Amino acid sequence: MRVLFCGSGWLPIVDILRERARDSSIEMWDRRVPLVDAIAEAEVVLPSNGRITAEAIAAAKQLRLIQQPAAGTEGIDLAAATARQIPVCNAPGANHISVAEHALFLLLAIARRAPEAARAFANREVGVPLGIELAGKTLGIIGLGRTGSALAERARALGMTVIALHRDSSRDPTDPFWAMCDAISIHCPLNDATRGMIDRAAFAAMRDGVLLVNVARGGVIDREALVEALGADKLGGVGLDVHWEEPPDPNDALYRDLRVVAVPHVAGSTREAFIRIADIVVDNLGRLSRGEELRHRVA
């Protein structure tokens, strides 16, 4: 079975898949080749962070399955796949522990002002930035699914109080949630309801000095509103694992702000998570070849 992996760069998950799916040919998309050409002979596509458009789906004459090796499917044209009766599956929950740990890492990094401390060390400065403890602080989690719940468990172990906001309520700046939080972590999908929901009104409703972490999708935060909030010293720190464009522009002034800890989109990228994802993918490849019902079908 010909399987095309559409991620950017060489990810260890490809090696893990090749170890486990010996009956399939796992190929990497060479991005110098248009996807509509690369996908033409593929029977299965693993989008990863590649966009599977209606045009690409139409060009994939042999396509039998779109298997997202993650939870999010917003980069896949589900309507086009459904029109061609091509099933779309994902891998929910496989990386939720990794993402929760990463959110906590970013939260700790901005609470202790890690970039400023690193610069002070490199420049042999006498003064050092003064961070804060997380114990006794209130963490607000937007989206209390698998990842949000895993973060809540770990935050409570540090002595934090945890409150949650359902994403459907996030557009209401009068909700007391915003003023109660010393830190906020975002864990919700990107869709029409959540796009830009952390906007000027939300920032205005937050406490001064709040810590903000986003490991969901970049578009959940209104970028201009974030820049304005940083410029007004509204935020104590920002941790970003996801961005408005991926890969982000390294020359973007936002990422030169020492209150911002920014990393590539790696929250879910651990060996343990990749193994769990590979197990789901390989299981579905086997089910597809045997004509059995697929797991985690979303379309």
C-alpha atoms as a PDB file:
ATOM      1  CA  MET A   1       0.000   0.000   0.000  1.00  0.00           C
ATOM      2  CA  ARG A   2       1.438   3.359  -1.037  1.00  0.00           C
ATOM      3  CA  VAL A   3       1.317   5.881   1.810  1.00  0.00           C
ATOM      4  CA  LEU A   4       2.334   9.522   1.387  1.00  0.00           C
ATOM      5  CA  PHE A   5       3.415  11.495   4.463  1.00  0.00           C
ATOM      6  CA  CYS A   6       2.874  15.221   3.915  1.00  0.00           C
ATOM      7  CA  GLY A   7       4.646  16.708   6.934  1.00  0.00           C
ATOM      8  CA  SER A   8       7.338  19.354   6.646  1.00  0.00           C
ATOM      9  CA  GLY A   9      10.819  18.066   7.307  1.00  0.00           C
ATOM     10  CA  TRP A  10      11.852  14.574   8.373  1.00  0.00           C
ATOM     11  CA  LEU A  11       9.959  13.518  11.453  1.00  0.00           C
ATOM     12  CA  PRO A  12      10.884  10.492  13.597  1.00  0.00           C
ATOM     13  CA  ILE A  13       7.313   9.264  13.242  1.00  0.00           C
ATOM     14  CA  VAL A  14       8.138   8.266   9.651  1.00  0.00           C
ATOM     15  CA  ASP A  15      10.821   5.874  10.904  1.00  0.00           C
ATOM     16  CA  ILE A  16       8.441   4.481  13.523  1.00  0.00           C
ATOM     17  CA  LEU A  17       5.740   3.950  10.898  1.00  0.00           C
ATOM     18  CA  ARG A  18       8.179   2.161   8.624  1.00  0.00           C
ATOM     19  CA  GLU A  19       9.159  -0.146  11.463  1.00  0.00           C
ATOM     20  CA  ARG A  20       5.533  -1.069  12.134  1.00  0.00           C
ATOM     21  CA  ALA A  21       3.895  -0.914   8.693  1.00  0.00           C
ATOM     22  CA  ARG A  22       6.169  -3.272   6.797  1.00  0.00           C
ATOM     23  CA  ASP A  23       3.440  -4.129   4.296  1.00  0.00           C
ATOM     24  CA  SER A  24       3.181  -0.509   3.206  1.00  0.00           C
ATOM     25  CA  SER A  25       5.503   1.863   1.394  1.00  0.00           C
ATOM     26  CA  ILE A  26       5.804   5.057   3.472  1.00  0.00           C
ATOM     27  CA  GLU A  27       6.969   7.897   1.234  1.00  0.00           C
ATOM     28  CA  MET A  28       7.813  11.480   2.116  1.00  0.00           C
ATOM     29  CA  TRP A  29       6.360  14.313   0.078  1.00  0.00           C
ATOM     30  CA  ASP A  30       9.170  16.209  -1.628  1.00  0.00           C
ATOM     31  CA  ARG A  31       7.872  19.755  -1.341  1.00  0.00           C
ATOM     32  CA  ARG A  32       9.667  20.754  -4.518  1.00  0.00           C
ATOM     33  CA  VAL A  33       6.995  18.676  -6.266  1.00  0.00           C
ATOM     34  CA  PRO A  34       3.428  20.063  -6.319  1.00  0.00           C
ATOM     35  CA  LEU A  35       1.182  18.049  -4.020  1.00  0.00           C
ATOM     36  CA  VAL A  36      -1.291  17.429  -6.846  1.00  0.00           C
ATOM     37  CA  ASP A  37       1.484  15.537  -8.628  1.00  0.00           C
ATOM     38  CA  ALA A  38       2.952  13.789  -5.580  1.00  0.00           C
ATOM     39  CA  ILE A  39      -0.425  12.548  -4.388  1.00  0.00           C
ATOM     40  CA  ALA A  40      -1.496  11.092  -7.738  1.00  0.00           C
ATOM     41  CA  GLU A  41      -0.537   7.462  -6.982  1.00  0.00           C
ATOM     42  CA  ALA A  42      -1.018   7.485  -3.205  1.00  0.00           C
ATOM     43  CA  GLU A  43      -3.560   5.119  -1.679  1.00  0.00           C
ATOM     44  CA  VAL A  44      -3.287   6.680   1.789  1.00  0.00           C
ATOM     45  CA  VAL A  45      -2.299  10.230   2.722  1.00  0.00           C
ATOM     46  CA  LEU A  46      -0.999  11.275   6.147  1.00  0.00           C
ATOM     47  CA  PRO A  47      -1.487  15.063   6.092  1.00  0.00           C
ATOM     48  CA  SER A  48       0.434  15.923   9.286  1.00  0.00           C
ATOM     49  CA  ASN A  49       0.746  19.705   8.805  1.00  0.00           C
ATOM     50  CA  GLY A  50       0.188  19.594   5.044  1.00  0.00           C
ATOM     51  CA  ARG A  51      -3.039  20.936   3.545  1.00  0.00           C
ATOM     52  CA  ILE A  52      -5.147  18.431   1.640  1.00  0.00           C
ATOM     53  CA  THR A  53      -7.225  20.624  -0.638  1.00  0.00           C
ATOM     54  CA  ALA A  54     -10.100  19.750  -2.936  1.00  0.00           C
ATOM     55  CA  GLU A  55      -7.680  20.064  -5.856  1.00  0.00           C
ATOM     56  CA  ALA A  56      -5.285  17.556  -4.280  1.00  0.00           C
ATOM     57  CA  ILE A  57      -8.113  15.142  -3.504  1.00  0.00           C
ATOM     58  CA  ALA A  58      -9.345  15.351  -7.092  1.00  0.00           C
ATOM     59  CA  ALA A  59      -5.826  14.566  -8.356  1.00  0.00           C
ATOM     60  CA  ALA A  60      -5.449  11.509  -6.093  1.00  0.00           C
ATOM     61  CA  LYS A  61      -7.082   8.897  -8.324  1.00  0.00           C
ATOM     62  CA  GLN A  62      -5.934   5.948  -6.168  1.00  0.00           C
ATOM     63  CA  LEU A  63      -6.766   7.545  -2.810  1.00  0.00           C
ATOM     64  CA  ARG A  64      -8.589   5.279  -0.331  1.00  0.00           C
ATOM     65  CA  LEU A  65      -7.962   6.969   3.022  1.00  0.00           C
ATOM     66  CA  ILE A  66      -6.870  10.299   4.514  1.00  0.00           C
ATOM     67  CA  GLN A  67      -5.388   9.431   7.900  1.00  0.00           C
ATOM     68  CA  GLN A  68      -4.430  12.425  10.018  1.00  0.00           C
ATOM     69  CA  PRO A  69      -1.611  11.409  12.410  1.00  0.00           C
ATOM     70  CA  ALA A  70      -2.926  13.888  14.989  1.00  0.00           C
ATOM     71  CA  ALA A  71      -6.268  15.169  16.245  1.00  0.00           C
ATOM     72  CA  GLY A  72      -6.831  18.316  14.178  1.00  0.00           C
ATOM     73  CA  THR A  73      -8.352  18.011  10.698  1.00  0.00           C
ATOM     74  CA  GLU A  74      -8.818  21.682   9.803  1.00  0.00           C
ATOM     75  CA  GLY A  75      -6.223  21.409   6.994  1.00  0.00           C
ATOM     76  CA  ILE A  76      -8.291  18.772   5.173  1.00  0.00           C
ATOM     77  CA  ASP A  77     -11.147  19.615   2.813  1.00  0.00           C
ATOM     78  CA  LEU A  78     -13.643  17.265   4.455  1.00  0.00           C
ATOM     79  CA  ALA A  79     -16.428  18.137   2.029  1.00  0.00           C
ATOM     80  CA  ALA A  80     -14.282  17.210  -0.964  1.00  0.00           C
ATOM     81  CA  ALA A  81     -13.253  13.936   0.681  1.00  0.00           C
ATOM     82  CA  THR A  82     -16.866  13.096   1.488  1.00  0.00           C
ATOM     83  CA  ALA A  83     -17.934  13.889  -2.070  1.00  0.00           C
ATOM     84  CA  ARG A  84     -15.465  11.284  -3.315  1.00  0.00           C
ATOM     85  CA  GLN A  85     -16.413   8.865  -0.528  1.00  0.00           C
ATOM     86  CA  ILE A  86     -12.868   8.899   0.836  1.00  0.00           C
ATOM     87  CA  PRO A  87     -12.863   8.301   4.607  1.00  0.00           C
ATOM     88  CA  VAL A  88     -10.994  10.725   6.853  1.00  0.00           C
ATOM     89  CA  CYS A  89      -9.666   9.510  10.207  1.00  0.00           C
ATOM     90  CA  ASN A  90      -7.610  11.105  12.935  1.00  0.00           C
ATOM     91  CA  ALA A  91      -5.656  10.026  16.007  1.00  0.00           C
ATOM     92  CA  PRO A  92      -7.346  11.708  18.991  1.00  0.00           C
ATOM     93  CA  GLY A  93      -5.757  11.517  22.409  1.00  0.00           C
ATOM     94  CA  ALA A  94      -2.515   9.966  21.230  1.00  0.00           C
ATOM     95  CA  ASN A  95      -0.416  12.984  22.157  1.00  0.00           C
ATOM     96  CA  HIS A  96      -2.485  14.648  24.898  1.00  0.00           C
ATOM     97  CA  ILE A  97       0.034  13.897  27.661  1.00  0.00           C
ATOM     98  CA  SER A  98       2.883  15.320  25.580  1.00  0.00           C
ATOM     99  CA  VAL A  99       0.913  18.489  24.802  1.00  0.00           C
ATOM    100  CA  ALA A 100      -0.137  18.950  28.438  1.00  0.00           C
ATOM    101  CA  GLU A 101       3.457  18.604  29.634  1.00  0.00           C
ATOM    102  CA  HIS A 102       4.595  21.065  26.984  1.00  0.00           C
ATOM    103  CA  ALA A 103       1.961  23.599  28.041  1.00  0.00           C
ATOM    104  CA  LEU A 104       3.224  23.306  31.598  1.00  0.00           C
ATOM    105  CA  PHE A 105       6.811  23.740  30.388  1.00  0.00           C
ATOM    106  CA  LEU A 106       5.878  26.958  28.573  1.00  0.00           C
ATOM    107  CA  LEU A 107       3.974  28.182  31.609  1.00  0.00           C
ATOM    108  CA  LEU A 108       6.966  27.606  33.873  1.00  0.00           C
ATOM    109  CA  ALA A 109       9.311  29.230  31.365  1.00  0.00           C
ATOM    110  CA  ILE A 110       7.353  32.469  31.171  1.00  0.00           C
ATOM    111  CA  ALA A 111       6.609  32.508  34.903  1.00  0.00           C
ATOM    112  CA  ARG A 112      10.363  32.376  35.606  1.00  0.00           C
ATOM    113  CA  ARG A 113      11.156  34.740  32.706  1.00  0.00           C
ATOM    114  CA  ALA A 114      13.540  32.270  31.117  1.00  0.00           C
ATOM    115  CA  PRO A 115      14.526  34.320  28.020  1.00  0.00           C
ATOM    116  CA  GLU A 116      15.440  37.331  30.143  1.00  0.00           C
ATOM    117  CA  ALA A 117      17.380  35.152  32.563  1.00  0.00           C
ATOM    118  CA  ALA A 118      19.271  33.527  29.664  1.00  0.00           C
ATOM    119  CA  ARG A 119      20.182  36.934  28.249  1.00  0.00           C
ATOM    120  CA  ALA A 120      21.333  38.173  31.663  1.00  0.00           C
ATOM    121  CA  PHE A 121      23.537  35.101  32.013  1.00  0.00           C
ATOM    122  CA  ALA A 122      24.982  35.469  28.503  1.00  0.00           C
ATOM    123  CA  ASN A 123      25.752  39.160  29.075  1.00  0.00           C
ATOM    124  CA  ARG A 124      27.111  38.544  32.595  1.00  0.00           C
ATOM    125  CA  GLU A 125      24.639  41.016  33.981  1.00  0.00           C
ATOM    126  CA  VAL A 126      24.532  41.508  37.748  1.00  0.00           C
ATOM    127  CA  GLY A 127      20.779  41.861  37.997  1.00  0.00           C
ATOM    128  CA  VAL A 128      18.487  38.959  37.221  1.00  0.00           C
ATOM    129  CA  PRO A 129      14.784  39.047  36.326  1.00  0.00           C
ATOM    130  CA  LEU A 130      12.416  38.209  39.150  1.00  0.00           C
ATOM    131  CA  GLY A 131       9.966  35.462  38.300  1.00  0.00           C
ATOM    132  CA  ILE A 132       6.894  34.222  40.133  1.00  0.00           C
ATOM    133  CA  GLU A 133       5.789  30.929  41.661  1.00  0.00           C
ATOM    134  CA  LEU A 134       2.854  29.057  40.173  1.00  0.00           C
ATOM    135  CA  ALA A 135       1.781  27.665  43.541  1.00  0.00           C
ATOM    136  CA  GLY A 136      -1.263  29.519  44.814  1.00  0.00           C
ATOM    137  CA  LYS A 137      -2.049  30.997  41.402  1.00  0.00           C
ATOM    138  CA  THR A 138      -5.209  30.403  39.376  1.00  0.00           C
ATOM    139  CA  LEU A 139      -4.875  28.717  35.999  1.00  0.00           C
ATOM    140  CA  GLY A 140      -7.703  29.132  33.530  1.00  0.00           C
ATOM    141  CA  ILE A 141      -8.003  26.450  30.872  1.00  0.00           C
ATOM    142  CA  ILE A 142      -9.997  27.084  27.705  1.00  0.00           C
ATOM    143  CA  GLY A 143     -11.189  23.705  26.459  1.00  0.00           C
ATOM    144  CA  LEU A 144     -11.240  20.947  29.061  1.00  0.00           C
ATOM    145  CA  GLY A 145     -10.833  17.936  26.793  1.00  0.00           C
ATOM    146  CA  ARG A 146      -8.149  15.276  27.111  1.00  0.00           C
ATOM    147  CA  THR A 147      -5.245  17.729  26.964  1.00  0.00           C
ATOM    148  CA  GLY A 148      -6.840  20.401  29.110  1.00  0.00           C
ATOM    149  CA  SER A 149      -7.760  17.824  31.745  1.00  0.00           C
ATOM    150  CA  ALA A 150      -4.230  16.402  31.743  1.00  0.00           C
ATOM    151  CA  LEU A 151      -2.827  19.913  32.238  1.00  0.00           C
ATOM    152  CA  ALA A 152      -5.315  20.564  35.061  1.00  0.00           C
ATOM    153  CA  GLU A 153      -4.104  17.456  36.883  1.00  0.00           C
ATOM    154  CA  ARG A 154      -0.483  18.533  36.617  1.00  0.00           C
ATOM    155  CA  ALA A 155      -1.190  22.143  37.550  1.00  0.00           C
ATOM    156  CA  ARG A 156      -3.037  21.063  40.702  1.00  0.00           C
ATOM    157  CA  ALA A 157       0.029  19.039  41.672  1.00  0.00           C
ATOM    158  CA  LEU A 158       1.964  22.324  41.670  1.00  0.00           C
ATOM    159  CA  GLY A 159      -0.546  23.885  44.021  1.00  0.00           C
ATOM    160  CA  MET A 160      -2.492  25.855  41.432  1.00  0.00           C
ATOM    161  CA  THR A 161      -6.231  26.446  41.490  1.00  0.00           C
ATOM    162  CA  VAL A 162      -7.726  25.406  38.154  1.00  0.00           C
ATOM    163  CA  ILE A 163     -10.841  26.823  36.532  1.00  0.00           C
ATOM    164  CA  ALA A 164     -12.152  26.169  33.030  1.00  0.00           C
ATOM    165  CA  LEU A 165     -14.019  28.054  30.357  1.00  0.00           C
ATOM    166  CA  HIS A 166     -16.043  26.316  27.687  1.00  0.00           C
ATOM    167  CA  ARG A 167     -15.013  27.619  24.296  1.00  0.00           C
ATOM    168  CA  ASP A 168     -18.622  28.522  23.505  1.00  0.00           C
ATOM    169  CA  SER A 169     -18.474  31.062  26.351  1.00  0.00           C
ATOM    170  CA  SER A 170     -15.138  32.536  25.361  1.00  0.00           C
ATOM    171  CA  ARG A 171     -16.626  35.413  23.364  1.00  0.00           C
ATOM    172  CA  ASP A 172     -18.160  36.968  26.462  1.00  0.00           C
ATOM    173  CA  PRO A 173     -15.700  39.502  27.951  1.00  0.00           C
ATOM    174  CA  THR A 174     -17.980  39.950  30.964  1.00  0.00           C
ATOM    175  CA  ASP A 175     -17.480  36.344  32.020  1.00  0.00           C
ATOM    176  CA  PRO A 176     -15.727  36.407  35.440  1.00  0.00           C
ATOM    177  CA  PHE A 177     -13.268  33.795  34.157  1.00  0.00           C
ATOM    178  CA  TRP A 178     -11.032  36.411  32.541  1.00  0.00           C
ATOM    179  CA  ALA A 179     -10.511  38.464  35.697  1.00  0.00           C
ATOM    180  CA  MET A 180      -9.957  35.410  37.899  1.00  0.00           C
ATOM    181  CA  CYS A 181      -6.953  33.966  36.069  1.00  0.00           C
ATOM    182  CA  ASP A 182      -3.290  34.529  36.812  1.00  0.00           C
ATOM    183  CA  ALA A 183      -2.517  32.308  33.828  1.00  0.00           C
ATOM    184  CA  ILE A 184      -4.507  31.060  30.830  1.00  0.00           C
ATOM    185  CA  SER A 185      -3.795  28.040  28.653  1.00  0.00           C
ATOM    186  CA  ILE A 186      -5.647  27.454  25.366  1.00  0.00           C
ATOM    187  CA  HIS A 187      -6.739  23.935  24.383  1.00  0.00           C
ATOM    188  CA  CYS A 188      -9.470  24.104  21.758  1.00  0.00           C
ATOM    189  CA  PRO A 189      -9.778  23.471  18.025  1.00  0.00           C
ATOM    190  CA  LEU A 190      -9.652  26.249  15.456  1.00  0.00           C
ATOM    191  CA  ASN A 191     -13.020  26.770  13.797  1.00  0.00           C
ATOM    192  CA  ASP A 192     -15.445  29.577  13.047  1.00  0.00           C
ATOM    193  CA  ALA A 193     -16.465  29.786  16.711  1.00  0.00           C
ATOM    194  CA  THR A 194     -12.921  30.019  18.095  1.00  0.00           C
ATOM    195  CA  ARG A 195     -11.036  31.942  15.413  1.00  0.00           C
ATOM    196  CA  GLY A 196      -9.688  35.157  16.959  1.00  0.00           C
ATOM    197  CA  MET A 197     -11.578  34.582  20.208  1.00  0.00           C
ATOM    198  CA  ILE A 198      -8.674  35.933  22.291  1.00  0.00           C
ATOM    199  CA  ASP A 199      -9.253  39.447  21.026  1.00  0.00           C
ATOM    200  CA  ARG A 200      -8.970  42.995  22.342  1.00  0.00           C
ATOM    201  CA  ALA A 201     -12.052  42.565  24.528  1.00  0.00           C
ATOM    202  CA  ALA A 202     -10.662  39.378  26.061  1.00  0.00           C
ATOM    203  CA  PHE A 203      -7.274  40.963  26.755  1.00  0.00           C
ATOM    204  CA  ALA A 204      -8.962  44.015  28.295  1.00  0.00           C
ATOM    205  CA  ALA A 205     -10.925  41.738  30.638  1.00  0.00           C
ATOM    206  CA  MET A 206      -7.815  39.885  31.828  1.00  0.00           C
ATOM    207  CA  ARG A 207      -5.794  40.735  34.907  1.00  0.00           C
ATOM    208  CA  ASP A 208      -2.662  42.786  34.416  1.00  0.00           C
ATOM    209  CA  GLY A 209       0.406  40.557  34.269  1.00  0.00           C
ATOM    210  CA  VAL A 210      -1.494  37.438  33.182  1.00  0.00           C
ATOM    211  CA  LEU A 211       0.523  34.592  31.657  1.00  0.00           C
ATOM    212  CA  LEU A 212      -0.820  33.234  28.353  1.00  0.00           C
ATOM    213  CA  VAL A 213       0.014  29.883  26.746  1.00  0.00           C
ATOM    214  CA  ASN A 214      -1.219  28.644  23.381  1.00  0.00           C
ATOM    215  CA  VAL A 215      -0.648  25.035  22.310  1.00  0.00           C
ATOM    216  CA  ALA A 216      -3.899  24.826  20.298  1.00  0.00           C
ATOM    217  CA  ARG A 217      -3.819  26.762  17.024  1.00  0.00           C
ATOM    218  CA  GLY A 218      -2.314  30.169  16.273  1.00  0.00           C
ATOM    219  CA  GLY A 219      -5.522  31.614  14.859  1.00  0.00           C
ATOM    220  CA  VAL A 220      -7.341  31.283  18.175  1.00  0.00           C
ATOM    221  CA  ILE A 221      -5.495  34.449  19.241  1.00  0.00           C
ATOM    222  CA  ASP A 222      -6.002  37.731  17.413  1.00  0.00           C
ATOM    223  CA  ARG A 223      -2.376  38.512  16.574  1.00  0.00           C
ATOM    224  CA  GLU A 224      -2.756  42.295  16.433  1.00  0.00           C
ATOM    225  CA  ALA A 225      -4.559  42.279  19.773  1.00  0.00           C
ATOM    226  CA  LEU A 226      -1.736  40.212  21.267  1.00  0.00           C
ATOM    227  CA  VAL A 227       0.916  42.635  20.024  1.00  0.00           C
ATOM    228  CA  GLU A 228      -1.080  45.551  21.452  1.00  0.00           C
ATOM    229  CA  ALA A 229      -1.475  43.791  24.804  1.00  0.00           C
ATOM    230  CA  LEU A 230       2.274  43.196  25.014  1.00  0.00           C
ATOM    231  CA  GLY A 231       2.921  46.815  24.055  1.00  0.00           C
ATOM    232  CA  ALA A 232       0.633  47.958  26.853  1.00  0.00           C
ATOM    233  CA  ASP A 233       2.407  45.680  29.383  1.00  0.00           C
ATOM    234  CA  LYS A 234      -0.846  43.813  29.920  1.00  0.00           C
ATOM    235  CA  LEU A 235       0.826  40.414  29.807  1.00  0.00           C
ATOM    236  CA  GLY A 236       3.451  38.963  32.096  1.00  0.00           C
ATOM    237  CA  GLY A 237       4.544  36.474  29.472  1.00  0.00           C
ATOM    238  CA  VAL A 238       3.397  34.508  26.449  1.00  0.00           C
ATOM    239  CA  GLY A 239       4.224  30.916  25.517  1.00  0.00           C
ATOM    240  CA  LEU A 240       3.586  29.950  21.897  1.00  0.00           C
ATOM    241  CA  ASP A 241       3.883  26.490  20.404  1.00  0.00           C
ATOM    242  CA  VAL A 242       1.556  27.331  17.513  1.00  0.00           C
ATOM    243  CA  HIS A 243       1.646  30.281  15.159  1.00  0.00           C
ATOM    244  CA  TRP A 244      -0.388  32.180  12.585  1.00  0.00           C
ATOM    245  CA  GLU A 245       1.884  30.890   9.847  1.00  0.00           C
ATOM    246  CA  GLU A 246       3.865  27.679  10.160  1.00  0.00           C
ATOM    247  CA  PRO A 247       6.744  27.783   9.976  1.00  0.00           C
ATOM    248  CA  PRO A 248       6.669  31.327  11.390  1.00  0.00           C
ATOM    249  CA  ASP A 249       8.798  34.162  10.092  1.00  0.00           C
ATOM    250  CA  PRO A 250      11.924  34.182  12.319  1.00  0.00           C
ATOM    251  CA  ASN A 251      12.316  37.905  11.661  1.00  0.00           C
ATOM    252  CA  ASP A 252       8.903  38.696  13.136  1.00  0.00           C
ATOM    253  CA  ALA A 253       9.394  41.318  15.862  1.00  0.00           C
ATOM    254  CA  LEU A 254       6.905  39.502  18.097  1.00  0.00           C
ATOM    255  CA  TYR A 255       9.402  36.681  18.596  1.00  0.00           C
ATOM    256  CA  ARG A 256      12.160  39.059  19.634  1.00  0.00           C
ATOM    257  CA  ASP A 257      10.148  40.200  22.666  1.00  0.00           C
ATOM    258  CA  LEU A 258      11.835  38.607  25.696  1.00  0.00           C
ATOM    259  CA  ARG A 259       8.456  38.082  27.348  1.00  0.00           C
ATOM    260  CA  VAL A 260       7.592  35.639  24.560  1.00  0.00           C
ATOM    261  CA  VAL A 261       8.783  32.025  24.639  1.00  0.00           C
ATOM    262  CA  ALA A 262       8.191  30.674  21.141  1.00  0.00           C
ATOM    263  CA  VAL A 263       9.050  27.234  19.821  1.00  0.00           C
ATOM    264  CA  PRO A 264       8.115  25.337  16.641  1.00  0.00           C
ATOM    265  CA  HIS A 265       4.893  23.350  16.639  1.00  0.00           C
ATOM    266  CA  VAL A 266       6.347  20.490  18.702  1.00  0.00           C
ATOM    267  CA  ALA A 267       4.015  20.139  21.692  1.00  0.00           C
ATOM    268  CA  GLY A 268       2.789  16.729  20.597  1.00  0.00           C
ATOM    269  CA  SER A 269       6.129  15.545  19.232  1.00  0.00           C
ATOM    270  CA  THR A 270       7.588  13.018  21.636  1.00  0.00           C
ATOM    271  CA  ARG A 271       8.658   9.439  21.040  1.00  0.00           C
ATOM    272  CA  GLU A 272       5.858   8.140  23.246  1.00  0.00           C
ATOM    273  CA  ALA A 273       3.237  10.153  21.375  1.00  0.00           C
ATOM    274  CA  PHE A 274       4.596   9.082  17.990  1.00  0.00           C
ATOM    275  CA  ILE A 275       4.430   5.427  19.011  1.00  0.00           C
ATOM    276  CA  ARG A 276       0.784   5.794  20.068  1.00  0.00           C
ATOM    277  CA  ILE A 277      -0.017   7.612  16.818  1.00  0.00           C
ATOM    278  CA  ALA A 278       1.788   4.979  14.755  1.00  0.00           C
ATOM    279  CA  ASP A 279      -0.232   2.249  16.454  1.00  0.00           C
ATOM    280  CA  ILE A 280      -3.484   3.966  15.405  1.00  0.00           C
ATOM    281  CA  VAL A 281      -2.266   4.579  11.852  1.00  0.00           C
ATOM    282  CA  VAL A 282      -0.982   1.032  11.344  1.00  0.00           C
ATOM    283  CA  ASP A 283      -4.174  -0.416  12.782  1.00  0.00           C
ATOM    284  CA  ASN A 284      -6.237   1.585  10.277  1.00  0.00           C
ATOM    285  CA  LEU A 285      -3.967   0.567   7.397  1.00  0.00           C
ATOM    286  CA  GLY A 286      -4.625  -3.045   8.309  1.00  0.00           C
ATOM    287  CA  ARG A 287      -8.359  -2.438   8.632  1.00  0.00           C
ATOM    288  CA  LEU A 288      -8.390  -0.698   5.250  1.00  0.00           C
ATOM    289  CA  SER A 289      -6.631  -3.603   3.542  1.00  0.00           C
ATOM    290  CA  ARG A 290      -9.068  -6.083   5.120  1.00  0.00           C
ATOM    291  CA  GLY A 291     -12.170  -4.014   4.377  1.00  0.00           C
ATOM    292  CA  GLU A 292     -12.984  -3.538   8.053  1.00  0.00           C
ATOM    293  CA  GLU A 293     -14.491  -0.535   9.835  1.00  0.00           C
ATOM    294  CA  LEU A 294     -11.926   2.225  10.421  1.00  0.00           C
ATOM    295  CA  ARG A 295     -11.150   3.695  13.845  1.00  0.00           C
ATOM    296  CA  HIS A 296     -11.609   7.380  14.688  1.00  0.00           C
ATOM    297  CA  ARG A 297     -13.403   8.238  11.461  1.00  0.00           C
ATOM    298  CA  VAL A 298     -14.415  11.900  11.316  1.00  0.00           C
ATOM    299  CA  ALA A 299     -15.764  12.058   7.750  1.00  0.00           C
END
